[in-house]
Structures are given as structure tokens and as C-alpha cells.
Amino acid sequence: MKPFVRSILLLLLGLAAFNAWSESAKEVGGYIVHFNALPTEALPPQVAKAYKITRSKHRGLLNISVLKKGPGYQAVEADIDVTASNLTGQMRPIKLRKIEEQNALYYIGEFRVSNEETLNFNIRVKTPDGHQETIQLSQQFFVD
């Protein structure tokens, strides 16, 4: 994959550049978990194609990465399960897939969204040293 495309994806998935996107981080033991949700339509077409992400105003993307604290922050594998619920309580699991590149490791999951839908994500993370925590993220999506 071209370094330019990889850089764009990491930038878009790792940072929240617009108010409609949510980006957060939480310490779990000796690790920092970064997580964000954004509309897939915001991804450049070449990035979506490279990572087999469906671009649509009716789809969202959840991105999670786990970094070991210390000099240089090292990306690590973790056991992660995600469920999302809307404001009426409808639950849905979010299937994640692992993306590995040189010094980066992150998990992404796609899901359908409706206009003005708020999703509450429960992200259960188990770090390599056995720390486990459930992190909550709430994100509203606008498609019209």
C-alpha cells in the first residue's frame, strides 16, 4: 500500500477532525485505549478501497487501538468486544477486524446508521496483561 494512503487512513482513523466525529482515549492498566466513531463517507475513496470499507452516508466506522504506555508507545493486540445500542435499546454486536501495518495495529468495525441516530457503544477491552475494562462511547450520526 502506498505510504500516502496509509498516512491518510491513520490520520482519519486516529484523529477526530470534525465535530461530528468522536475521539477519546482511556487508560486501562499500563495501556492507553484510543477509540473513535465516524461516518465512512468521510473517508477518501482510495482509503476505503484499500481497506475494503464501504463508503456510505448510512454507514459508520468504529476504530480502536491499544498502546502500551512508555517511551514510543507500542501498539499491542488486545481482546476487544463491542456492542452498540440505539436510544430505543436495540442492541447490535459490532464485528471488528484487525488491521496490522508496520508499527500500527488497530481494530475497525462497520455498522449501519440512520439520520440523527445516536449509538451507545460498549467497548470491552482486555489488555495483554489481563486488565479488563468496559469503555462507553456515545456518538450521533447525521446522514441527510
N, C-alpha and C. Protein backbone atom coordinates (compact mmCIF):
# COMPACT_ATOMS: atom_id res chain seq x y z
N MET A 1 0.84 -1.17 0.00
CA MET A 1 0.00 0.00 0.00
C MET A 1 0.90 1.24 0.00
N LYS A 2 0.47 2.24 -0.71
CA LYS A 2 1.24 3.47 -0.82
C LYS A 2 1.31 4.18 0.53
N PRO A 3 2.47 4.74 0.90
CA PRO A 3 2.59 5.44 2.18
C PRO A 3 1.60 6.59 2.31
N PHE A 4 1.27 7.25 1.20
CA PHE A 4 0.32 8.36 1.24
C PHE A 4 -1.05 7.89 1.71
N VAL A 5 -1.52 6.77 1.14
CA VAL A 5 -2.83 6.23 1.51
C VAL A 5 -2.82 5.79 2.97
N ARG A 6 -1.77 5.10 3.39
CA ARG A 6 -1.65 4.65 4.78
C ARG A 6 -1.66 5.85 5.73
N SER A 7 -0.96 6.90 5.39
CA SER A 7 -0.92 8.10 6.23
C SER A 7 -2.28 8.75 6.37
N ILE A 8 -3.02 8.81 5.26
CA ILE A 8 -4.35 9.41 5.31
C ILE A 8 -5.26 8.58 6.21
N LEU A 9 -5.22 7.26 6.06
CA LEU A 9 -6.09 6.42 6.87
C LEU A 9 -5.76 6.57 8.36
N LEU A 10 -4.49 6.52 8.69
CA LEU A 10 -4.11 6.66 10.09
C LEU A 10 -4.54 8.01 10.64
N LEU A 11 -4.40 9.05 9.84
CA LEU A 11 -4.83 10.37 10.27
C LEU A 11 -6.33 10.41 10.50
N LEU A 12 -7.09 9.91 9.52
CA LEU A 12 -8.55 9.95 9.65
C LEU A 12 -9.06 9.06 10.76
N LEU A 13 -8.48 7.87 10.90
CA LEU A 13 -8.97 6.95 11.91
C LEU A 13 -8.46 7.30 13.30
N GLY A 14 -7.33 7.95 13.39
CA GLY A 14 -6.75 8.24 14.70
C GLY A 14 -7.12 9.59 15.28
N LEU A 15 -7.61 10.48 14.45
CA LEU A 15 -7.94 11.83 14.92
C LEU A 15 -9.37 12.19 14.56
N ALA A 16 -9.98 13.00 15.35
CA ALA A 16 -11.33 13.49 15.04
C ALA A 16 -11.19 14.91 14.52
N ALA A 17 -11.33 15.09 13.22
CA ALA A 17 -11.12 16.40 12.64
C ALA A 17 -12.39 17.24 12.56
N PHE A 18 -13.53 16.59 12.69
CA PHE A 18 -14.78 17.32 12.61
C PHE A 18 -15.58 17.12 13.88
N ASN A 19 -16.44 18.08 14.21
CA ASN A 19 -17.26 17.97 15.41
C ASN A 19 -18.19 16.77 15.39
N ALA A 20 -18.59 16.30 14.21
CA ALA A 20 -19.49 15.16 14.12
C ALA A 20 -18.81 13.86 14.51
N TRP A 21 -17.48 13.84 14.56
CA TRP A 21 -16.75 12.64 14.93
C TRP A 21 -16.41 12.71 16.40
N SER A 22 -16.28 11.56 16.98
CA SER A 22 -15.91 11.49 18.39
C SER A 22 -14.60 10.74 18.51
N GLU A 23 -13.70 11.25 19.32
CA GLU A 23 -12.42 10.58 19.54
C GLU A 23 -12.09 10.71 21.01
N SER A 24 -11.68 9.60 21.60
CA SER A 24 -11.38 9.61 23.02
C SER A 24 -10.27 8.63 23.31
N ALA A 25 -9.76 8.70 24.52
CA ALA A 25 -8.74 7.76 24.99
C ALA A 25 -9.00 7.48 26.46
N LYS A 26 -8.63 6.28 26.88
CA LYS A 26 -8.81 5.89 28.28
C LYS A 26 -7.66 4.99 28.68
N GLU A 27 -7.14 5.22 29.88
CA GLU A 27 -6.09 4.37 30.43
C GLU A 27 -6.71 3.10 30.99
N VAL A 28 -6.12 1.97 30.63
CA VAL A 28 -6.53 0.67 31.16
C VAL A 28 -5.24 -0.02 31.57
N GLY A 29 -4.96 -0.02 32.86
CA GLY A 29 -3.71 -0.58 33.35
C GLY A 29 -2.54 0.20 32.76
N GLY A 30 -1.58 -0.50 32.22
CA GLY A 30 -0.40 0.14 31.63
C GLY A 30 -0.58 0.44 30.15
N TYR A 31 -1.82 0.61 29.72
CA TYR A 31 -2.13 0.82 28.31
C TYR A 31 -3.05 2.03 28.14
N ILE A 32 -3.05 2.56 26.93
CA ILE A 32 -4.00 3.61 26.57
C ILE A 32 -4.82 3.09 25.40
N VAL A 33 -6.13 3.13 25.55
CA VAL A 33 -7.04 2.69 24.51
C VAL A 33 -7.59 3.94 23.82
N HIS A 34 -7.37 4.03 22.52
CA HIS A 34 -7.91 5.13 21.71
C HIS A 34 -9.09 4.58 20.94
N PHE A 35 -10.16 5.36 20.86
CA PHE A 35 -11.35 4.90 20.15
C PHE A 35 -12.07 6.09 19.55
N ASN A 36 -12.63 5.88 18.36
CA ASN A 36 -13.42 6.93 17.72
C ASN A 36 -14.43 6.32 16.76
N ALA A 37 -15.46 7.09 16.48
CA ALA A 37 -16.50 6.68 15.55
C ALA A 37 -16.71 7.80 14.55
N LEU A 38 -16.89 7.43 13.27
CA LEU A 38 -17.04 8.43 12.23
C LEU A 38 -17.84 7.85 11.08
N PRO A 39 -18.40 8.70 10.23
CA PRO A 39 -19.13 8.20 9.05
C PRO A 39 -18.13 7.71 8.00
N THR A 40 -18.42 6.58 7.36
CA THR A 40 -17.49 6.06 6.36
C THR A 40 -17.43 6.94 5.12
N GLU A 41 -18.46 7.69 4.87
CA GLU A 41 -18.47 8.59 3.71
C GLU A 41 -17.35 9.63 3.80
N ALA A 42 -16.87 9.91 5.01
CA ALA A 42 -15.81 10.90 5.20
C ALA A 42 -14.44 10.38 4.76
N LEU A 43 -14.31 9.08 4.59
CA LEU A 43 -13.02 8.52 4.16
C LEU A 43 -12.79 8.80 2.68
N PRO A 44 -11.58 9.14 2.30
CA PRO A 44 -11.29 9.28 0.88
C PRO A 44 -11.53 7.93 0.17
N PRO A 45 -12.03 7.96 -1.07
CA PRO A 45 -12.34 6.71 -1.78
C PRO A 45 -11.16 5.72 -1.84
N GLN A 46 -9.94 6.22 -2.05
CA GLN A 46 -8.80 5.32 -2.17
C GLN A 46 -8.48 4.63 -0.84
N VAL A 47 -8.74 5.29 0.27
CA VAL A 47 -8.52 4.68 1.59
C VAL A 47 -9.58 3.61 1.83
N ALA A 48 -10.82 3.93 1.57
CA ALA A 48 -11.90 2.96 1.75
C ALA A 48 -11.65 1.72 0.90
N LYS A 49 -11.25 1.91 -0.33
CA LYS A 49 -10.99 0.79 -1.23
C LYS A 49 -9.83 -0.06 -0.71
N ALA A 50 -8.77 0.58 -0.28
CA ALA A 50 -7.58 -0.14 0.19
C ALA A 50 -7.90 -1.01 1.41
N TYR A 51 -8.81 -0.58 2.26
CA TYR A 51 -9.14 -1.32 3.47
C TYR A 51 -10.48 -2.03 3.40
N LYS A 52 -11.07 -2.06 2.19
CA LYS A 52 -12.34 -2.75 1.95
C LYS A 52 -13.43 -2.24 2.91
N ILE A 53 -13.52 -0.93 3.01
CA ILE A 53 -14.53 -0.26 3.83
C ILE A 53 -15.60 0.30 2.88
N THR A 54 -16.85 0.02 3.19
CA THR A 54 -17.95 0.52 2.37
C THR A 54 -18.21 1.98 2.71
N ARG A 55 -18.01 2.86 1.72
CA ARG A 55 -18.30 4.29 1.91
C ARG A 55 -19.78 4.53 1.69
N SER A 56 -20.42 5.14 2.68
CA SER A 56 -21.84 5.44 2.56
C SER A 56 -22.22 6.41 3.67
N LYS A 57 -23.21 7.26 3.38
CA LYS A 57 -23.69 8.15 4.43
C LYS A 57 -24.50 7.38 5.47
N HIS A 58 -24.85 6.14 5.15
CA HIS A 58 -25.62 5.30 6.07
C HIS A 58 -24.76 4.26 6.78
N ARG A 59 -23.44 4.47 6.79
CA ARG A 59 -22.54 3.55 7.48
C ARG A 59 -21.59 4.32 8.36
N GLY A 60 -21.29 3.71 9.48
CA GLY A 60 -20.33 4.29 10.41
C GLY A 60 -19.15 3.34 10.56
N LEU A 61 -18.09 3.87 11.12
CA LEU A 61 -16.86 3.11 11.34
C LEU A 61 -16.39 3.37 12.76
N LEU A 62 -16.12 2.30 13.48
CA LEU A 62 -15.53 2.39 14.81
C LEU A 62 -14.08 1.97 14.69
N ASN A 63 -13.19 2.74 15.26
CA ASN A 63 -11.75 2.46 15.22
C ASN A 63 -11.23 2.41 16.65
N ILE A 64 -10.47 1.36 16.96
CA ILE A 64 -9.93 1.18 18.31
C ILE A 64 -8.47 0.78 18.19
N SER A 65 -7.62 1.38 19.00
CA SER A 65 -6.22 0.95 19.08
C SER A 65 -5.80 0.93 20.55
N VAL A 66 -4.89 0.03 20.85
CA VAL A 66 -4.39 -0.14 22.21
C VAL A 66 -2.87 0.05 22.17
N LEU A 67 -2.40 0.98 22.98
CA LEU A 67 -0.97 1.30 23.01
C LEU A 67 -0.41 1.06 24.40
N LYS A 68 0.73 0.38 24.45
CA LYS A 68 1.42 0.18 25.72
C LYS A 68 2.11 1.49 26.09
N LYS A 69 1.88 1.95 27.32
CA LYS A 69 2.49 3.20 27.76
C LYS A 69 3.99 3.00 27.91
N GLY A 70 4.69 4.09 27.70
CA GLY A 70 6.15 4.06 27.82
C GLY A 70 6.76 4.84 26.68
N PRO A 71 8.08 4.86 26.62
CA PRO A 71 8.73 5.59 25.54
C PRO A 71 8.33 5.02 24.18
N GLY A 72 7.80 5.85 23.34
CA GLY A 72 7.44 5.44 22.00
C GLY A 72 6.08 4.80 21.86
N TYR A 73 5.36 4.55 22.92
CA TYR A 73 4.02 3.94 22.86
C TYR A 73 3.94 2.86 21.78
N GLN A 74 3.94 1.61 22.19
CA GLN A 74 3.92 0.49 21.27
C GLN A 74 2.50 -0.05 21.10
N ALA A 75 2.08 -0.23 19.85
CA ALA A 75 0.77 -0.81 19.56
C ALA A 75 0.79 -2.29 19.93
N VAL A 76 -0.28 -2.75 20.59
CA VAL A 76 -0.35 -4.15 21.03
C VAL A 76 -1.70 -4.75 20.67
N GLU A 77 -1.74 -6.08 20.61
CA GLU A 77 -3.00 -6.78 20.41
C GLU A 77 -3.76 -6.81 21.72
N ALA A 78 -5.08 -6.81 21.62
CA ALA A 78 -5.95 -6.88 22.79
C ALA A 78 -7.19 -7.67 22.41
N ASP A 79 -7.87 -8.17 23.42
CA ASP A 79 -9.14 -8.85 23.21
C ASP A 79 -10.22 -7.79 23.33
N ILE A 80 -10.95 -7.53 22.25
CA ILE A 80 -11.93 -6.44 22.23
C ILE A 80 -13.27 -6.96 21.71
N ASP A 81 -14.33 -6.68 22.44
CA ASP A 81 -15.69 -6.98 22.02
C ASP A 81 -16.50 -5.69 22.09
N VAL A 82 -17.36 -5.46 21.09
CA VAL A 82 -18.14 -4.23 21.05
C VAL A 82 -19.61 -4.55 20.77
N THR A 83 -20.48 -3.91 21.53
CA THR A 83 -21.90 -3.90 21.22
C THR A 83 -22.34 -2.45 21.16
N ALA A 84 -23.35 -2.20 20.36
CA ALA A 84 -23.90 -0.85 20.25
C ALA A 84 -25.40 -0.93 20.48
N SER A 85 -25.94 0.12 21.07
CA SER A 85 -27.39 0.20 21.24
C SER A 85 -27.83 1.60 20.85
N ASN A 86 -29.05 1.67 20.30
CA ASN A 86 -29.60 2.98 19.97
C ASN A 86 -30.46 3.45 21.14
N LEU A 87 -31.09 4.60 21.00
CA LEU A 87 -31.84 5.17 22.12
C LEU A 87 -33.11 4.40 22.46
N THR A 88 -33.55 3.52 21.57
CA THR A 88 -34.72 2.68 21.89
C THR A 88 -34.29 1.36 22.53
N GLY A 89 -32.98 1.16 22.70
CA GLY A 89 -32.47 -0.03 23.37
C GLY A 89 -32.16 -1.19 22.45
N GLN A 90 -32.30 -1.01 21.15
CA GLN A 90 -31.97 -2.09 20.22
C GLN A 90 -30.46 -2.32 20.24
N MET A 91 -30.07 -3.56 20.52
CA MET A 91 -28.65 -3.92 20.63
C MET A 91 -28.17 -4.56 19.33
N ARG A 92 -26.90 -4.31 19.02
CA ARG A 92 -26.28 -4.99 17.89
C ARG A 92 -24.78 -5.15 18.16
N PRO A 93 -24.26 -6.32 17.87
CA PRO A 93 -22.81 -6.51 18.02
C PRO A 93 -22.10 -5.81 16.86
N ILE A 94 -20.92 -5.31 17.13
CA ILE A 94 -20.08 -4.72 16.10
C ILE A 94 -18.90 -5.67 15.89
N LYS A 95 -18.83 -6.26 14.72
CA LYS A 95 -17.74 -7.18 14.41
C LYS A 95 -16.51 -6.35 14.04
N LEU A 96 -15.41 -6.64 14.71
CA LEU A 96 -14.16 -5.93 14.46
C LEU A 96 -13.22 -6.78 13.62
N ARG A 97 -12.42 -6.09 12.83
CA ARG A 97 -11.33 -6.79 12.15
C ARG A 97 -10.03 -6.07 12.45
N LYS A 98 -8.99 -6.84 12.57
CA LYS A 98 -7.67 -6.32 12.94
C LYS A 98 -6.93 -5.87 11.69
N ILE A 99 -6.35 -4.68 11.77
CA ILE A 99 -5.52 -4.13 10.70
C ILE A 99 -4.11 -4.00 11.27
N GLU A 100 -3.14 -4.63 10.60
CA GLU A 100 -1.74 -4.55 11.04
C GLU A 100 -0.91 -3.94 9.92
N GLU A 101 -0.10 -2.96 10.29
CA GLU A 101 0.82 -2.32 9.36
C GLU A 101 2.06 -1.94 10.13
N GLN A 102 3.19 -2.17 9.58
CA GLN A 102 4.48 -1.82 10.18
C GLN A 102 4.38 -1.60 11.69
N ASN A 103 4.28 -0.37 12.16
CA ASN A 103 4.24 -0.09 13.60
C ASN A 103 2.84 0.23 14.10
N ALA A 104 1.82 -0.08 13.32
CA ALA A 104 0.45 0.24 13.70
C ALA A 104 -0.38 -1.03 13.80
N LEU A 105 -1.31 -1.02 14.73
CA LEU A 105 -2.24 -2.12 14.91
C LEU A 105 -3.53 -1.50 15.42
N TYR A 106 -4.62 -1.74 14.72
CA TYR A 106 -5.88 -1.19 15.17
C TYR A 106 -7.00 -2.11 14.72
N TYR A 107 -8.16 -1.91 15.32
CA TYR A 107 -9.33 -2.72 15.05
C TYR A 107 -10.43 -1.81 14.51
N ILE A 108 -11.06 -2.23 13.42
CA ILE A 108 -12.14 -1.42 12.85
C ILE A 108 -13.40 -2.28 12.69
N GLY A 109 -14.54 -1.62 12.83
CA GLY A 109 -15.81 -2.28 12.63
C GLY A 109 -16.78 -1.34 11.96
N GLU A 110 -17.53 -1.85 10.98
CA GLU A 110 -18.53 -1.04 10.27
C GLU A 110 -19.92 -1.40 10.76
N PHE A 111 -20.84 -0.44 10.61
CA PHE A 111 -22.22 -0.64 11.06
C PHE A 111 -23.11 0.35 10.32
N ARG A 112 -24.41 0.02 10.25
CA ARG A 112 -25.39 0.90 9.61
C ARG A 112 -25.84 1.97 10.58
N VAL A 113 -26.15 3.15 10.04
CA VAL A 113 -26.69 4.25 10.85
C VAL A 113 -27.84 4.92 10.11
N SER A 114 -28.73 5.51 10.88
CA SER A 114 -29.83 6.30 10.34
C SER A 114 -29.59 7.76 10.68
N ASN A 115 -30.32 8.65 10.00
CA ASN A 115 -30.16 10.08 10.27
C ASN A 115 -30.50 10.41 11.71
N GLU A 116 -29.63 11.16 12.34
CA GLU A 116 -29.75 11.64 13.72
C GLU A 116 -29.76 10.49 14.74
N GLU A 117 -29.30 9.32 14.33
CA GLU A 117 -29.25 8.19 15.25
C GLU A 117 -28.07 8.34 16.21
N THR A 118 -28.35 8.13 17.48
CA THR A 118 -27.30 8.12 18.49
C THR A 118 -27.04 6.67 18.85
N LEU A 119 -25.77 6.27 18.76
CA LEU A 119 -25.38 4.93 19.16
C LEU A 119 -24.52 5.01 20.41
N ASN A 120 -24.81 4.12 21.35
CA ASN A 120 -24.02 3.99 22.57
C ASN A 120 -23.22 2.71 22.45
N PHE A 121 -21.91 2.85 22.39
CA PHE A 121 -21.02 1.72 22.22
C PHE A 121 -20.50 1.27 23.59
N ASN A 122 -20.55 -0.03 23.83
CA ASN A 122 -19.90 -0.63 24.99
C ASN A 122 -18.70 -1.40 24.45
N ILE A 123 -17.52 -0.92 24.78
CA ILE A 123 -16.28 -1.49 24.26
C ILE A 123 -15.59 -2.21 25.41
N ARG A 124 -15.58 -3.55 25.37
CA ARG A 124 -14.91 -4.33 26.40
C ARG A 124 -13.50 -4.64 25.92
N VAL A 125 -12.52 -4.16 26.68
CA VAL A 125 -11.12 -4.33 26.31
C VAL A 125 -10.41 -5.14 27.38
N LYS A 126 -9.70 -6.17 26.93
CA LYS A 126 -8.83 -6.93 27.82
C LYS A 126 -7.42 -6.79 27.28
N THR A 127 -6.55 -6.16 28.05
CA THR A 127 -5.18 -5.88 27.62
C THR A 127 -4.31 -7.13 27.78
N PRO A 128 -3.12 -7.14 27.16
CA PRO A 128 -2.25 -8.32 27.25
C PRO A 128 -1.88 -8.71 28.68
N ASP A 129 -1.88 -7.75 29.60
CA ASP A 129 -1.51 -8.08 30.99
C ASP A 129 -2.74 -8.46 31.83
N GLY A 130 -3.90 -8.61 31.19
CA GLY A 130 -5.08 -9.11 31.89
C GLY A 130 -6.02 -8.05 32.43
N HIS A 131 -5.66 -6.77 32.36
CA HIS A 131 -6.60 -5.74 32.79
C HIS A 131 -7.80 -5.74 31.85
N GLN A 132 -8.97 -5.61 32.44
CA GLN A 132 -10.19 -5.59 31.63
C GLN A 132 -11.06 -4.42 32.07
N GLU A 133 -11.61 -3.74 31.08
CA GLU A 133 -12.49 -2.61 31.38
C GLU A 133 -13.49 -2.45 30.24
N THR A 134 -14.67 -1.97 30.59
CA THR A 134 -15.66 -1.63 29.58
C THR A 134 -15.69 -0.11 29.45
N ILE A 135 -15.52 0.34 28.23
CA ILE A 135 -15.46 1.76 27.92
C ILE A 135 -16.74 2.11 27.16
N GLN A 136 -17.32 3.25 27.48
CA GLN A 136 -18.51 3.69 26.77
C GLN A 136 -18.20 4.88 25.86
N LEU A 137 -18.82 4.86 24.70
CA LEU A 137 -18.72 5.95 23.73
C LEU A 137 -20.12 6.17 23.17
N SER A 138 -20.54 7.41 23.14
CA SER A 138 -21.83 7.76 22.56
C SER A 138 -21.57 8.69 21.38
N GLN A 139 -22.19 8.36 20.24
CA GLN A 139 -21.96 9.15 19.03
C GLN A 139 -23.26 9.30 18.25
N GLN A 140 -23.56 10.52 17.84
CA GLN A 140 -24.73 10.76 16.99
C GLN A 140 -24.24 10.90 15.54
N PHE A 141 -25.00 10.32 14.62
CA PHE A 141 -24.67 10.36 13.21
C PHE A 141 -25.73 11.11 12.42
N PHE A 142 -25.29 11.88 11.44
CA PHE A 142 -26.20 12.65 10.59
C PHE A 142 -25.96 12.20 9.15
N VAL A 143 -27.01 11.80 8.45
CA VAL A 143 -26.85 11.28 7.10
C VAL A 143 -27.55 12.13 6.04
N ASP A 144 -28.41 13.02 6.43
CA ASP A 144 -29.12 13.85 5.45
C ASP A 144 -28.56 15.26 5.40
